[in-house]
């Protein structure tokens, strides 16, 4: 089994086909979207492929170290142009092909007008071992 992270973006990914920002959806459209996500996760729980999922608020703070004895710096330069993660789901599947299949299905979650979003999801495998530095 291999673990994969499926990242959903508020911005930073290529535009989805049904690219209407969620703050412009009706309450019914939001409910349908969340229900789709919950049903998808519940189905993967039954197959043993679901690990975890979380939604993230659009607001956040960029933080970086600023040197010994100095307070951290927040909201560094150009933070507003960076991609913004909406949430994520971790799956544990038998193959990369299965991970791609599930990401494609999750991309079909309904959005505005009840139509599939066709959003781009970032699919990233977990490292299974620490990378080595060759000399």
Foldseek 3Di string as FASTA:
>chain_A
DFKKKWWDWQDDFPAWPQRDRQVPADPVQVVQLVVLVVVLQVVLVVVVFWDDKDFDDQDDKDWDDDDPPDDIDIDDPPPVVHITTGMMTMTDDDDPVVVVVSSQVNQQRAHHPRGRRRDDIDMGTDDPDDDDDDD
